[in-house]
Amino acid sequence: MKMTDTTIEAVILANGDYPAAPVPREILSSAPFVVCCDGGANSYIEQGHTPDVIIGDGDSLHPEYASQYAHIVTKVSEQESNDQTKAVNYLLAQGKRNIAIVGATGRREDHTIGNISLLIEYARKGAHVRTYTDYGVFIPCNGSTTLQTEAGQQMSIFSIGARIDRAEGLLYPIYNFTNWWQGTLNECTGTSVRIEAEGEFLIFLTYR
């Protein structure tokens, strides 16, 4: 997947910790279209902004905001998916595929793990999606992938059933991981990293 900040069609603000680092804050402030996940709208509105859409089951949106912004609230009561997924599905239905997610980490760790792991599901649906945290970016990948990097950037690779054969541009050699944690804490040595693989995996790349 190739996506730069200039091609982002929409930003999803989840209900984790509100973005504090420059990269996710800039992505949010320059977003052409913002979907807030239910309670994520509380912080966004309190920061002086107005979402384009608020989506979720309505359980964590302040009652006064639910009333004031009722015209942009899309309530989805089904419990088979979380609010982040409901937001992605909404955007895909609108024809928006280049999606950035912010505010998806922090607070409850089980929500954080769930939000990150769901990136693979969204990619399967055709979304070009990345999650930007206060420390770096999570990128879902399928098959051999090349990413633009900088020397010294930290990278972790999480195999989701992929067969990973080799990589170029990393400080430490990689192998066909048998557990998802084995590809963590590597380092980029130059301006690109090439990963030869079959199947799905997640990359986490820190900011410089």
N, C-alpha and C. Protein backbone atom coordinates (compact mmCIF):
# COMPACT_ATOMS: atom_id res chain seq x y z
N MET A 1 0.83 -1.19 0.00
CA MET A 1 0.00 0.00 0.00
C MET A 1 0.86 1.24 0.00
N LYS A 2 0.51 2.18 -0.85
CA LYS A 2 1.21 3.45 -0.87
C LYS A 2 0.21 4.55 -0.53
N MET A 3 0.51 5.32 0.48
CA MET A 3 -0.35 6.44 0.83
C MET A 3 0.49 7.49 1.52
N THR A 4 0.41 8.72 1.07
CA THR A 4 1.08 9.83 1.75
C THR A 4 0.03 10.70 2.38
N ASP A 5 0.47 11.58 3.26
CA ASP A 5 -0.47 12.45 3.95
C ASP A 5 -1.29 13.28 2.97
N THR A 6 -0.73 13.61 1.79
CA THR A 6 -1.44 14.46 0.84
C THR A 6 -2.57 13.73 0.13
N THR A 7 -2.61 12.40 0.20
CA THR A 7 -3.67 11.66 -0.46
C THR A 7 -4.76 11.22 0.49
N ILE A 8 -4.69 11.58 1.75
CA ILE A 8 -5.70 11.18 2.73
C ILE A 8 -7.05 11.79 2.36
N GLU A 9 -8.05 10.94 2.21
CA GLU A 9 -9.39 11.40 1.89
C GLU A 9 -10.23 11.65 3.13
N ALA A 10 -9.92 10.95 4.21
CA ALA A 10 -10.70 11.10 5.44
C ALA A 10 -9.86 10.64 6.63
N VAL A 11 -10.16 11.23 7.77
CA VAL A 11 -9.49 10.86 9.03
C VAL A 11 -10.54 10.40 10.02
N ILE A 12 -10.25 9.28 10.66
CA ILE A 12 -11.10 8.77 11.73
C ILE A 12 -10.44 9.11 13.06
N LEU A 13 -11.18 9.77 13.93
CA LEU A 13 -10.72 10.03 15.29
C LEU A 13 -11.40 9.03 16.21
N ALA A 14 -10.63 8.08 16.72
CA ALA A 14 -11.17 7.06 17.61
C ALA A 14 -11.27 7.61 19.03
N ASN A 15 -11.76 6.77 19.94
CA ASN A 15 -12.01 7.21 21.31
C ASN A 15 -10.93 6.76 22.26
N GLY A 16 -9.67 6.81 21.80
CA GLY A 16 -8.55 6.55 22.70
C GLY A 16 -8.00 7.87 23.22
N ASP A 17 -6.70 7.93 23.44
CA ASP A 17 -6.08 9.18 23.86
C ASP A 17 -6.07 10.17 22.70
N TYR A 18 -6.45 11.41 22.98
CA TYR A 18 -6.47 12.43 21.93
C TYR A 18 -5.04 12.66 21.45
N PRO A 19 -4.81 12.78 20.14
CA PRO A 19 -3.45 12.94 19.61
C PRO A 19 -2.71 14.10 20.25
N ALA A 20 -1.44 13.85 20.62
CA ALA A 20 -0.62 14.88 21.25
C ALA A 20 0.62 15.21 20.43
N ALA A 21 1.10 14.27 19.63
CA ALA A 21 2.33 14.47 18.86
C ALA A 21 2.03 15.27 17.58
N PRO A 22 3.06 15.93 17.03
CA PRO A 22 2.85 16.78 15.85
C PRO A 22 2.27 16.06 14.64
N VAL A 23 2.73 14.84 14.34
CA VAL A 23 2.27 14.16 13.12
C VAL A 23 0.77 13.87 13.15
N PRO A 24 0.25 13.15 14.15
CA PRO A 24 -1.19 12.90 14.13
C PRO A 24 -2.03 14.16 14.29
N ARG A 25 -1.52 15.14 15.02
CA ARG A 25 -2.28 16.39 15.18
C ARG A 25 -2.38 17.13 13.85
N GLU A 26 -1.30 17.13 13.08
CA GLU A 26 -1.32 17.78 11.77
C GLU A 26 -2.24 17.05 10.82
N ILE A 27 -2.20 15.72 10.85
CA ILE A 27 -3.09 14.93 10.01
C ILE A 27 -4.55 15.25 10.33
N LEU A 28 -4.85 15.36 11.61
CA LEU A 28 -6.22 15.65 12.03
C LEU A 28 -6.63 17.07 11.64
N SER A 29 -5.73 18.03 11.86
CA SER A 29 -6.08 19.43 11.60
C SER A 29 -6.23 19.72 10.11
N SER A 30 -5.53 18.97 9.26
CA SER A 30 -5.59 19.22 7.82
C SER A 30 -6.54 18.25 7.10
N ALA A 31 -7.29 17.48 7.86
CA ALA A 31 -8.16 16.46 7.25
C ALA A 31 -9.26 17.09 6.41
N PRO A 32 -9.49 16.55 5.20
CA PRO A 32 -10.59 17.06 4.38
C PRO A 32 -11.96 16.59 4.86
N PHE A 33 -11.97 15.52 5.67
CA PHE A 33 -13.23 14.95 6.16
C PHE A 33 -12.91 14.21 7.45
N VAL A 34 -13.64 14.50 8.53
CA VAL A 34 -13.35 13.89 9.83
C VAL A 34 -14.57 13.12 10.33
N VAL A 35 -14.35 11.85 10.62
CA VAL A 35 -15.37 11.01 11.26
C VAL A 35 -14.91 10.72 12.68
N CYS A 36 -15.73 11.11 13.65
CA CYS A 36 -15.41 10.84 15.05
C CYS A 36 -16.15 9.59 15.51
N CYS A 37 -15.43 8.73 16.18
CA CYS A 37 -16.04 7.53 16.75
C CYS A 37 -16.70 7.87 18.08
N ASP A 38 -17.98 8.11 18.03
CA ASP A 38 -18.77 8.26 19.25
C ASP A 38 -18.10 9.19 20.26
N GLY A 39 -17.51 8.63 21.33
CA GLY A 39 -16.90 9.44 22.38
C GLY A 39 -15.71 10.24 21.92
N GLY A 40 -15.08 9.85 20.80
CA GLY A 40 -13.98 10.65 20.27
C GLY A 40 -14.42 12.05 19.91
N ALA A 41 -15.72 12.20 19.61
CA ALA A 41 -16.25 13.52 19.27
C ALA A 41 -16.20 14.47 20.46
N ASN A 42 -16.28 13.94 21.67
CA ASN A 42 -16.27 14.82 22.85
C ASN A 42 -15.02 15.68 22.88
N SER A 43 -13.86 15.05 22.75
CA SER A 43 -12.59 15.79 22.79
C SER A 43 -12.45 16.69 21.57
N TYR A 44 -12.87 16.20 20.42
CA TYR A 44 -12.73 16.98 19.18
C TYR A 44 -13.55 18.28 19.26
N ILE A 45 -14.76 18.17 19.76
CA ILE A 45 -15.63 19.33 19.90
C ILE A 45 -15.08 20.27 20.97
N GLU A 46 -14.59 19.71 22.06
CA GLU A 46 -14.02 20.53 23.14
C GLU A 46 -12.76 21.28 22.69
N GLN A 47 -12.10 20.77 21.64
CA GLN A 47 -10.93 21.44 21.07
C GLN A 47 -11.35 22.56 20.10
N GLY A 48 -12.65 22.74 19.93
CA GLY A 48 -13.15 23.81 19.08
C GLY A 48 -13.45 23.42 17.66
N HIS A 49 -13.55 22.10 17.38
CA HIS A 49 -13.77 21.62 16.02
C HIS A 49 -15.16 21.02 15.86
N THR A 50 -15.60 20.91 14.64
CA THR A 50 -16.88 20.27 14.33
C THR A 50 -16.64 19.09 13.40
N PRO A 51 -17.02 17.88 13.80
CA PRO A 51 -16.83 16.72 12.92
C PRO A 51 -17.75 16.81 11.71
N ASP A 52 -17.39 16.07 10.68
CA ASP A 52 -18.30 15.92 9.54
C ASP A 52 -19.35 14.86 9.85
N VAL A 53 -18.93 13.81 10.57
CA VAL A 53 -19.83 12.73 10.95
C VAL A 53 -19.40 12.22 12.32
N ILE A 54 -20.39 11.88 13.15
CA ILE A 54 -20.15 11.16 14.41
C ILE A 54 -20.83 9.81 14.26
N ILE A 55 -20.10 8.74 14.51
CA ILE A 55 -20.65 7.41 14.27
C ILE A 55 -20.38 6.49 15.45
N GLY A 56 -21.32 5.59 15.71
CA GLY A 56 -21.17 4.64 16.81
C GLY A 56 -22.52 4.26 17.37
N ASP A 57 -22.51 3.63 18.53
CA ASP A 57 -23.77 3.23 19.15
C ASP A 57 -24.31 4.27 20.11
N GLY A 58 -23.56 5.38 20.28
CA GLY A 58 -24.04 6.49 21.10
C GLY A 58 -23.83 6.34 22.58
N ASP A 59 -23.09 5.30 23.01
CA ASP A 59 -22.99 5.06 24.45
C ASP A 59 -21.99 5.96 25.16
N SER A 60 -21.07 6.63 24.44
CA SER A 60 -20.08 7.46 25.11
C SER A 60 -20.06 8.91 24.63
N LEU A 61 -20.99 9.29 23.78
CA LEU A 61 -21.11 10.67 23.34
C LEU A 61 -21.87 11.47 24.38
N HIS A 62 -21.33 12.62 24.81
CA HIS A 62 -22.00 13.45 25.80
C HIS A 62 -23.42 13.77 25.34
N PRO A 63 -24.40 13.68 26.23
CA PRO A 63 -25.79 13.92 25.84
C PRO A 63 -26.02 15.28 25.18
N GLU A 64 -25.33 16.32 25.68
CA GLU A 64 -25.52 17.64 25.08
C GLU A 64 -25.00 17.69 23.65
N TYR A 65 -23.90 16.98 23.37
CA TYR A 65 -23.37 16.93 22.01
C TYR A 65 -24.26 16.07 21.12
N ALA A 66 -24.80 15.00 21.69
CA ALA A 66 -25.70 14.14 20.92
C ALA A 66 -26.91 14.93 20.44
N SER A 67 -27.37 15.86 21.28
CA SER A 67 -28.50 16.70 20.91
C SER A 67 -28.09 17.80 19.94
N GLN A 68 -26.97 18.48 20.25
CA GLN A 68 -26.53 19.62 19.45
C GLN A 68 -26.13 19.21 18.04
N TYR A 69 -25.51 18.02 17.93
CA TYR A 69 -25.00 17.57 16.63
C TYR A 69 -25.79 16.39 16.09
N ALA A 70 -27.05 16.32 16.46
CA ALA A 70 -27.88 15.19 16.04
C ALA A 70 -27.94 15.03 14.53
N HIS A 71 -27.79 16.14 13.80
CA HIS A 71 -27.90 16.11 12.34
C HIS A 71 -26.71 15.43 11.66
N ILE A 72 -25.60 15.24 12.41
CA ILE A 72 -24.45 14.56 11.81
C ILE A 72 -24.13 13.24 12.52
N VAL A 73 -25.01 12.81 13.41
CA VAL A 73 -24.81 11.55 14.13
C VAL A 73 -25.39 10.40 13.31
N THR A 74 -24.56 9.41 13.05
CA THR A 74 -25.00 8.17 12.41
C THR A 74 -24.92 7.08 13.46
N LYS A 75 -26.06 6.66 13.95
CA LYS A 75 -26.09 5.68 15.03
C LYS A 75 -26.17 4.28 14.45
N VAL A 76 -25.19 3.45 14.83
CA VAL A 76 -25.16 2.05 14.40
C VAL A 76 -25.17 1.21 15.68
N SER A 77 -26.29 0.57 15.94
CA SER A 77 -26.47 -0.09 17.23
C SER A 77 -25.91 -1.50 17.29
N GLU A 78 -25.61 -2.10 16.13
CA GLU A 78 -25.12 -3.50 16.17
C GLU A 78 -23.80 -3.58 16.93
N GLN A 79 -23.61 -4.70 17.62
CA GLN A 79 -22.45 -4.88 18.49
C GLN A 79 -21.45 -5.89 17.96
N GLU A 80 -21.58 -6.27 16.69
CA GLU A 80 -20.65 -7.23 16.10
C GLU A 80 -19.33 -6.58 15.72
N SER A 81 -19.29 -5.25 15.62
CA SER A 81 -18.07 -4.54 15.28
C SER A 81 -17.92 -3.33 16.19
N ASN A 82 -16.68 -2.82 16.32
CA ASN A 82 -16.49 -1.66 17.19
C ASN A 82 -16.71 -0.37 16.39
N ASP A 83 -16.65 0.77 17.09
CA ASP A 83 -16.95 2.04 16.44
C ASP A 83 -15.94 2.39 15.35
N GLN A 84 -14.68 2.01 15.54
CA GLN A 84 -13.67 2.27 14.52
C GLN A 84 -14.04 1.55 13.22
N THR A 85 -14.48 0.31 13.34
CA THR A 85 -14.88 -0.46 12.17
C THR A 85 -16.11 0.13 11.51
N LYS A 86 -17.05 0.60 12.32
CA LYS A 86 -18.25 1.24 11.78
C LYS A 86 -17.87 2.49 10.98
N ALA A 87 -16.87 3.22 11.48
CA ALA A 87 -16.41 4.42 10.77
C ALA A 87 -15.74 4.05 9.45
N VAL A 88 -14.91 3.01 9.45
CA VAL A 88 -14.27 2.56 8.21
C VAL A 88 -15.31 2.11 7.20
N ASN A 89 -16.28 1.32 7.66
CA ASN A 89 -17.32 0.84 6.75
C ASN A 89 -18.12 2.01 6.17
N TYR A 90 -18.39 3.01 6.98
CA TYR A 90 -19.11 4.19 6.51
C TYR A 90 -18.32 4.87 5.39
N LEU A 91 -17.03 5.07 5.60
CA LEU A 91 -16.20 5.74 4.61
C LEU A 91 -16.08 4.93 3.33
N LEU A 92 -15.92 3.63 3.45
CA LEU A 92 -15.85 2.79 2.26
C LEU A 92 -17.14 2.87 1.45
N ALA A 93 -18.27 2.93 2.16
CA ALA A 93 -19.56 3.06 1.48
C ALA A 93 -19.69 4.40 0.76
N GLN A 94 -18.95 5.40 1.25
CA GLN A 94 -18.93 6.73 0.63
C GLN A 94 -17.89 6.83 -0.50
N GLY A 95 -17.18 5.73 -0.74
CA GLY A 95 -16.16 5.73 -1.77
C GLY A 95 -14.82 6.28 -1.33
N LYS A 96 -14.63 6.49 -0.04
CA LYS A 96 -13.36 7.01 0.48
C LYS A 96 -12.53 5.84 0.98
N ARG A 97 -11.38 5.62 0.35
CA ARG A 97 -10.54 4.46 0.68
C ARG A 97 -9.21 4.83 1.32
N ASN A 98 -8.72 6.03 1.05
CA ASN A 98 -7.45 6.47 1.65
C ASN A 98 -7.75 7.08 3.01
N ILE A 99 -7.57 6.29 4.04
CA ILE A 99 -8.05 6.64 5.39
C ILE A 99 -6.91 6.65 6.39
N ALA A 100 -6.85 7.69 7.19
CA ALA A 100 -5.92 7.75 8.33
C ALA A 100 -6.73 7.65 9.62
N ILE A 101 -6.21 6.89 10.56
CA ILE A 101 -6.86 6.74 11.87
C ILE A 101 -5.94 7.33 12.93
N VAL A 102 -6.48 8.18 13.78
CA VAL A 102 -5.74 8.74 14.91
C VAL A 102 -6.57 8.52 16.17
N GLY A 103 -5.91 8.63 17.32
CA GLY A 103 -6.62 8.48 18.59
C GLY A 103 -7.09 7.06 18.86
N ALA A 104 -6.45 6.07 18.25
CA ALA A 104 -6.91 4.68 18.39
C ALA A 104 -6.16 3.91 19.47
N THR A 105 -5.17 4.54 20.10
CA THR A 105 -4.38 3.86 21.13
C THR A 105 -4.51 4.60 22.46
N GLY A 106 -3.99 3.99 23.51
CA GLY A 106 -4.12 4.58 24.84
C GLY A 106 -5.37 4.06 25.53
N ARG A 107 -5.51 4.45 26.79
CA ARG A 107 -6.64 3.99 27.61
C ARG A 107 -6.61 2.46 27.70
N ARG A 108 -7.70 1.77 27.43
CA ARG A 108 -7.72 0.33 27.64
C ARG A 108 -6.87 -0.39 26.61
N GLU A 109 -5.97 -1.25 27.12
CA GLU A 109 -5.03 -1.94 26.25
C GLU A 109 -5.73 -2.92 25.31
N ASP A 110 -6.84 -3.53 25.76
CA ASP A 110 -7.53 -4.48 24.87
C ASP A 110 -8.14 -3.75 23.67
N HIS A 111 -8.62 -2.53 23.90
CA HIS A 111 -9.14 -1.74 22.78
C HIS A 111 -8.01 -1.38 21.81
N THR A 112 -6.85 -1.02 22.37
CA THR A 112 -5.70 -0.66 21.53
C THR A 112 -5.29 -1.83 20.64
N ILE A 113 -5.15 -3.02 21.22
CA ILE A 113 -4.75 -4.19 20.43
C ILE A 113 -5.80 -4.51 19.37
N GLY A 114 -7.06 -4.43 19.76
CA GLY A 114 -8.13 -4.69 18.81
C GLY A 114 -8.12 -3.71 17.65
N ASN A 115 -7.99 -2.42 17.96
CA ASN A 115 -7.98 -1.39 16.92
C ASN A 115 -6.84 -1.59 15.93
N ILE A 116 -5.67 -1.94 16.45
CA ILE A 116 -4.51 -2.12 15.57
C ILE A 116 -4.66 -3.38 14.71
N SER A 117 -5.09 -4.47 15.32
CA SER A 117 -5.20 -5.72 14.58
C SER A 117 -6.26 -5.64 13.48
N LEU A 118 -7.26 -4.78 13.66
CA LEU A 118 -8.32 -4.64 12.68
C LEU A 118 -7.84 -4.01 11.37
N LEU A 119 -6.66 -3.40 11.36
CA LEU A 119 -6.15 -2.81 10.13
C LEU A 119 -6.05 -3.84 9.01
N ILE A 120 -5.70 -5.06 9.35
CA ILE A 120 -5.63 -6.13 8.36
C ILE A 120 -7.01 -6.39 7.75
N GLU A 121 -8.05 -6.39 8.59
CA GLU A 121 -9.40 -6.60 8.09
C GLU A 121 -9.81 -5.50 7.13
N TYR A 122 -9.46 -4.25 7.47
CA TYR A 122 -9.83 -3.13 6.60
C TYR A 122 -9.11 -3.22 5.26
N ALA A 123 -7.85 -3.63 5.29
CA ALA A 123 -7.10 -3.77 4.04
C ALA A 123 -7.73 -4.84 3.16
N ARG A 124 -8.25 -5.90 3.77
CA ARG A 124 -8.91 -6.95 2.99
C ARG A 124 -10.15 -6.42 2.28
N LYS A 125 -10.77 -5.39 2.86
CA LYS A 125 -11.96 -4.78 2.27
C LYS A 125 -11.62 -3.77 1.18
N GLY A 126 -10.33 -3.51 1.00
CA GLY A 126 -9.92 -2.57 -0.02
C GLY A 126 -9.55 -1.20 0.49
N ALA A 127 -9.53 -1.02 1.80
CA ALA A 127 -9.15 0.27 2.37
C ALA A 127 -7.64 0.44 2.33
N HIS A 128 -7.19 1.65 2.00
CA HIS A 128 -5.79 2.03 2.09
C HIS A 128 -5.68 2.82 3.39
N VAL A 129 -5.33 2.14 4.46
CA VAL A 129 -5.50 2.71 5.80
C VAL A 129 -4.22 2.58 6.61
N ARG A 130 -3.97 3.61 7.42
CA ARG A 130 -2.87 3.58 8.37
C ARG A 130 -3.34 4.17 9.69
N THR A 131 -2.75 3.69 10.78
CA THR A 131 -3.04 4.25 12.11
C THR A 131 -1.82 5.01 12.59
N TYR A 132 -2.02 6.31 12.88
CA TYR A 132 -0.95 7.18 13.35
C TYR A 132 -1.10 7.38 14.85
N THR A 133 -0.07 6.98 15.60
CA THR A 133 -0.07 7.15 17.04
C THR A 133 0.82 8.35 17.40
N ASP A 134 1.06 8.56 18.67
CA ASP A 134 1.96 9.64 19.08
C ASP A 134 3.42 9.27 18.87
N TYR A 135 3.69 8.03 18.46
CA TYR A 135 5.08 7.56 18.33
C TYR A 135 5.43 7.09 16.94
N GLY A 136 4.46 6.67 16.17
CA GLY A 136 4.74 6.15 14.85
C GLY A 136 3.47 5.76 14.13
N VAL A 137 3.64 4.98 13.06
CA VAL A 137 2.51 4.62 12.21
C VAL A 137 2.46 3.11 12.00
N PHE A 138 1.26 2.56 12.10
CA PHE A 138 1.00 1.15 11.80
C PHE A 138 0.50 1.04 10.36
N ILE A 139 1.12 0.12 9.61
CA ILE A 139 0.81 -0.04 8.19
C ILE A 139 0.50 -1.51 7.91
N PRO A 140 -0.71 -1.83 7.45
CA PRO A 140 -1.00 -3.21 7.05
C PRO A 140 -0.40 -3.52 5.69
N CYS A 141 0.19 -4.69 5.55
CA CYS A 141 0.86 -5.07 4.30
C CYS A 141 0.43 -6.47 3.90
N ASN A 142 0.51 -6.73 2.60
CA ASN A 142 0.21 -8.06 2.08
C ASN A 142 1.19 -8.35 0.95
N GLY A 143 2.04 -9.34 1.15
CA GLY A 143 3.03 -9.68 0.15
C GLY A 143 4.24 -8.76 0.20
N SER A 144 5.10 -8.90 -0.77
CA SER A 144 6.35 -8.14 -0.78
C SER A 144 6.06 -6.64 -0.82
N THR A 145 6.77 -5.88 0.02
CA THR A 145 6.46 -4.47 0.25
C THR A 145 7.74 -3.65 0.34
N THR A 146 7.71 -2.46 -0.26
CA THR A 146 8.80 -1.50 -0.13
C THR A 146 8.27 -0.24 0.53
N LEU A 147 8.97 0.25 1.54
CA LEU A 147 8.57 1.46 2.26
C LEU A 147 9.72 2.47 2.25
N GLN A 148 9.37 3.74 2.09
CA GLN A 148 10.35 4.81 2.20
C GLN A 148 10.66 5.06 3.67
N THR A 149 11.94 5.14 4.01
CA THR A 149 12.35 5.26 5.41
C THR A 149 13.49 6.27 5.53
N GLU A 150 13.96 6.46 6.75
CA GLU A 150 15.15 7.23 7.02
C GLU A 150 16.07 6.39 7.90
N ALA A 151 17.36 6.56 7.73
CA ALA A 151 18.32 5.82 8.56
C ALA A 151 18.08 6.15 10.02
N GLY A 152 18.02 5.11 10.83
CA GLY A 152 17.80 5.29 12.26
C GLY A 152 16.37 5.13 12.70
N GLN A 153 15.43 5.13 11.77
CA GLN A 153 14.04 4.88 12.15
C GLN A 153 13.90 3.47 12.70
N GLN A 154 13.09 3.32 13.72
CA GLN A 154 12.85 2.01 14.31
C GLN A 154 11.65 1.37 13.62
N MET A 155 11.78 0.07 13.37
CA MET A 155 10.70 -0.66 12.70
C MET A 155 10.44 -1.98 13.39
N SER A 156 9.16 -2.31 13.52
CA SER A 156 8.75 -3.63 13.99
C SER A 156 7.85 -4.27 12.96
N ILE A 157 7.99 -5.58 12.80
CA ILE A 157 7.19 -6.33 11.84
C ILE A 157 6.40 -7.38 12.63
N PHE A 158 5.07 -7.37 12.46
CA PHE A 158 4.21 -8.32 13.14
C PHE A 158 3.58 -9.23 12.09
N SER A 159 3.99 -10.49 12.08
CA SER A 159 3.47 -11.43 11.10
C SER A 159 2.06 -11.87 11.48
N ILE A 160 1.14 -11.77 10.52
CA ILE A 160 -0.23 -12.26 10.71
C ILE A 160 -0.40 -13.47 9.78
N GLY A 161 0.37 -14.49 10.07
CA GLY A 161 0.33 -15.69 9.25
C GLY A 161 1.13 -15.59 7.97
N ALA A 162 1.95 -14.57 7.83
CA ALA A 162 2.75 -14.41 6.62
C ALA A 162 3.98 -15.30 6.64
N ARG A 163 4.48 -15.59 5.43
CA ARG A 163 5.80 -16.20 5.31
C ARG A 163 6.75 -15.08 4.88
N ILE A 164 7.65 -14.71 5.78
CA ILE A 164 8.57 -13.62 5.51
C ILE A 164 9.94 -14.22 5.20
N ASP A 165 10.41 -13.98 4.00
CA ASP A 165 11.64 -14.62 3.53
C ASP A 165 12.90 -13.82 3.84
N ARG A 166 12.87 -12.52 3.52
CA ARG A 166 14.06 -11.72 3.72
C ARG A 166 13.69 -10.24 3.67
N ALA A 167 14.65 -9.40 4.06
CA ALA A 167 14.45 -7.96 4.00
C ALA A 167 15.75 -7.27 3.65
N GLU A 168 15.65 -6.14 2.99
CA GLU A 168 16.79 -5.29 2.69
C GLU A 168 16.56 -3.93 3.34
N GLY A 169 17.59 -3.38 3.95
CA GLY A 169 17.49 -2.06 4.56
C GLY A 169 17.23 -2.07 6.04
N LEU A 170 17.36 -3.23 6.68
CA LEU A 170 17.20 -3.34 8.13
C LEU A 170 18.53 -3.73 8.78
N LEU A 171 18.73 -3.25 9.99
CA LEU A 171 19.99 -3.50 10.69
C LEU A 171 20.14 -4.97 11.07
N TYR A 172 19.07 -5.58 11.52
CA TYR A 172 19.12 -6.97 11.97
C TYR A 172 18.42 -7.88 10.95
N PRO A 173 19.00 -9.03 10.64
CA PRO A 173 18.39 -9.94 9.66
C PRO A 173 17.05 -10.47 10.18
N ILE A 174 16.14 -10.72 9.25
CA ILE A 174 14.85 -11.29 9.65
C ILE A 174 14.71 -12.67 9.04
N TYR A 175 13.72 -13.40 9.51
CA TYR A 175 13.52 -14.79 9.09
C TYR A 175 12.02 -15.06 9.10
N ASN A 176 11.64 -16.27 8.79
CA ASN A 176 10.22 -16.62 8.76
C ASN A 176 9.72 -16.80 10.19
N PHE A 177 9.15 -15.71 10.73
CA PHE A 177 8.74 -15.70 12.13
C PHE A 177 7.65 -16.74 12.40
N THR A 178 7.75 -17.36 13.57
CA THR A 178 6.72 -18.31 14.00
C THR A 178 5.84 -17.73 15.10
N ASN A 179 6.17 -16.53 15.58
CA ASN A 179 5.35 -15.86 16.58
C ASN A 179 5.33 -14.37 16.26
N TRP A 180 4.23 -13.70 16.58
CA TRP A 180 4.01 -12.33 16.10
C TRP A 180 4.99 -11.31 16.67
N TRP A 181 5.61 -11.59 17.82
CA TRP A 181 6.51 -10.62 18.45
C TRP A 181 7.93 -10.68 17.90
N GLN A 182 8.28 -11.71 17.15
CA GLN A 182 9.68 -11.97 16.81
C GLN A 182 10.29 -10.92 15.88
N GLY A 183 9.47 -10.17 15.18
CA GLY A 183 10.01 -9.18 14.26
C GLY A 183 10.06 -7.77 14.82
N THR A 184 9.97 -7.63 16.13
CA THR A 184 9.94 -6.30 16.73
C THR A 184 11.36 -5.74 16.92
N LEU A 185 11.42 -4.41 17.08
CA LEU A 185 12.63 -3.69 17.52
C LEU A 185 13.80 -3.82 16.54
N ASN A 186 13.52 -3.57 15.28
CA ASN A 186 14.56 -3.51 14.27
C ASN A 186 14.84 -2.05 13.94
N GLU A 187 15.78 -1.79 13.05
CA GLU A 187 16.16 -0.41 12.72
C GLU A 187 16.46 -0.27 11.23
N CYS A 188 15.97 0.80 10.64
CA CYS A 188 16.20 1.07 9.23
C CYS A 188 17.61 1.64 9.03
N THR A 189 18.27 1.21 7.97
CA THR A 189 19.64 1.65 7.73
C THR A 189 19.77 2.68 6.62
N GLY A 190 18.69 2.90 5.87
CA GLY A 190 18.79 3.84 4.75
C GLY A 190 17.45 4.41 4.37
N THR A 191 17.27 4.73 3.09
CA THR A 191 16.09 5.45 2.62
C THR A 191 14.93 4.55 2.22
N SER A 192 15.11 3.25 2.29
CA SER A 192 14.01 2.34 1.98
C SER A 192 14.23 0.99 2.63
N VAL A 193 13.12 0.30 2.85
CA VAL A 193 13.15 -1.08 3.34
C VAL A 193 12.31 -1.92 2.40
N ARG A 194 12.86 -3.03 1.96
CA ARG A 194 12.17 -3.97 1.09
C ARG A 194 11.98 -5.27 1.85
N ILE A 195 10.74 -5.71 1.99
CA ILE A 195 10.44 -6.96 2.70
C ILE A 195 9.86 -7.95 1.69
N GLU A 196 10.51 -9.08 1.53
CA GLU A 196 10.03 -10.14 0.65
C GLU A 196 9.18 -11.09 1.48
N ALA A 197 7.90 -11.19 1.13
CA ALA A 197 6.99 -11.98 1.95
C ALA A 197 5.79 -12.45 1.14
N GLU A 198 5.11 -13.44 1.68
CA GLU A 198 3.81 -13.88 1.17
C GLU A 198 2.84 -13.86 2.33
N GLY A 199 1.70 -13.22 2.16
CA GLY A 199 0.72 -13.15 3.23
C GLY A 199 0.70 -11.80 3.92
N GLU A 200 -0.04 -11.72 4.99
CA GLU A 200 -0.35 -10.46 5.65
C GLU A 200 0.54 -10.22 6.87
N PHE A 201 0.95 -8.96 7.02
CA PHE A 201 1.71 -8.57 8.20
C PHE A 201 1.51 -7.09 8.47
N LEU A 202 1.83 -6.68 9.69
CA LEU A 202 1.75 -5.28 10.09
C LEU A 202 3.15 -4.74 10.32
N ILE A 203 3.34 -3.50 9.90
CA ILE A 203 4.60 -2.81 10.18
C ILE A 203 4.31 -1.62 11.10
N PHE A 204 5.18 -1.43 12.08
CA PHE A 204 5.16 -0.19 12.88
C PHE A 204 6.46 0.54 12.62
N LEU A 205 6.33 1.79 12.17
CA LEU A 205 7.50 2.61 11.84
C LEU A 205 7.45 3.88 12.66
N THR A 206 8.51 4.13 13.44
CA THR A 206 8.53 5.32 14.28
C THR A 206 8.75 6.57 13.45
N TYR A 207 8.37 7.72 14.00
CA TYR A 207 8.66 9.01 13.38
C TYR A 207 10.12 9.36 13.63
N ARG A 208 10.66 10.24 12.78
CA ARG A 208 12.01 10.75 12.99
C ARG A 208 11.94 12.18 13.49
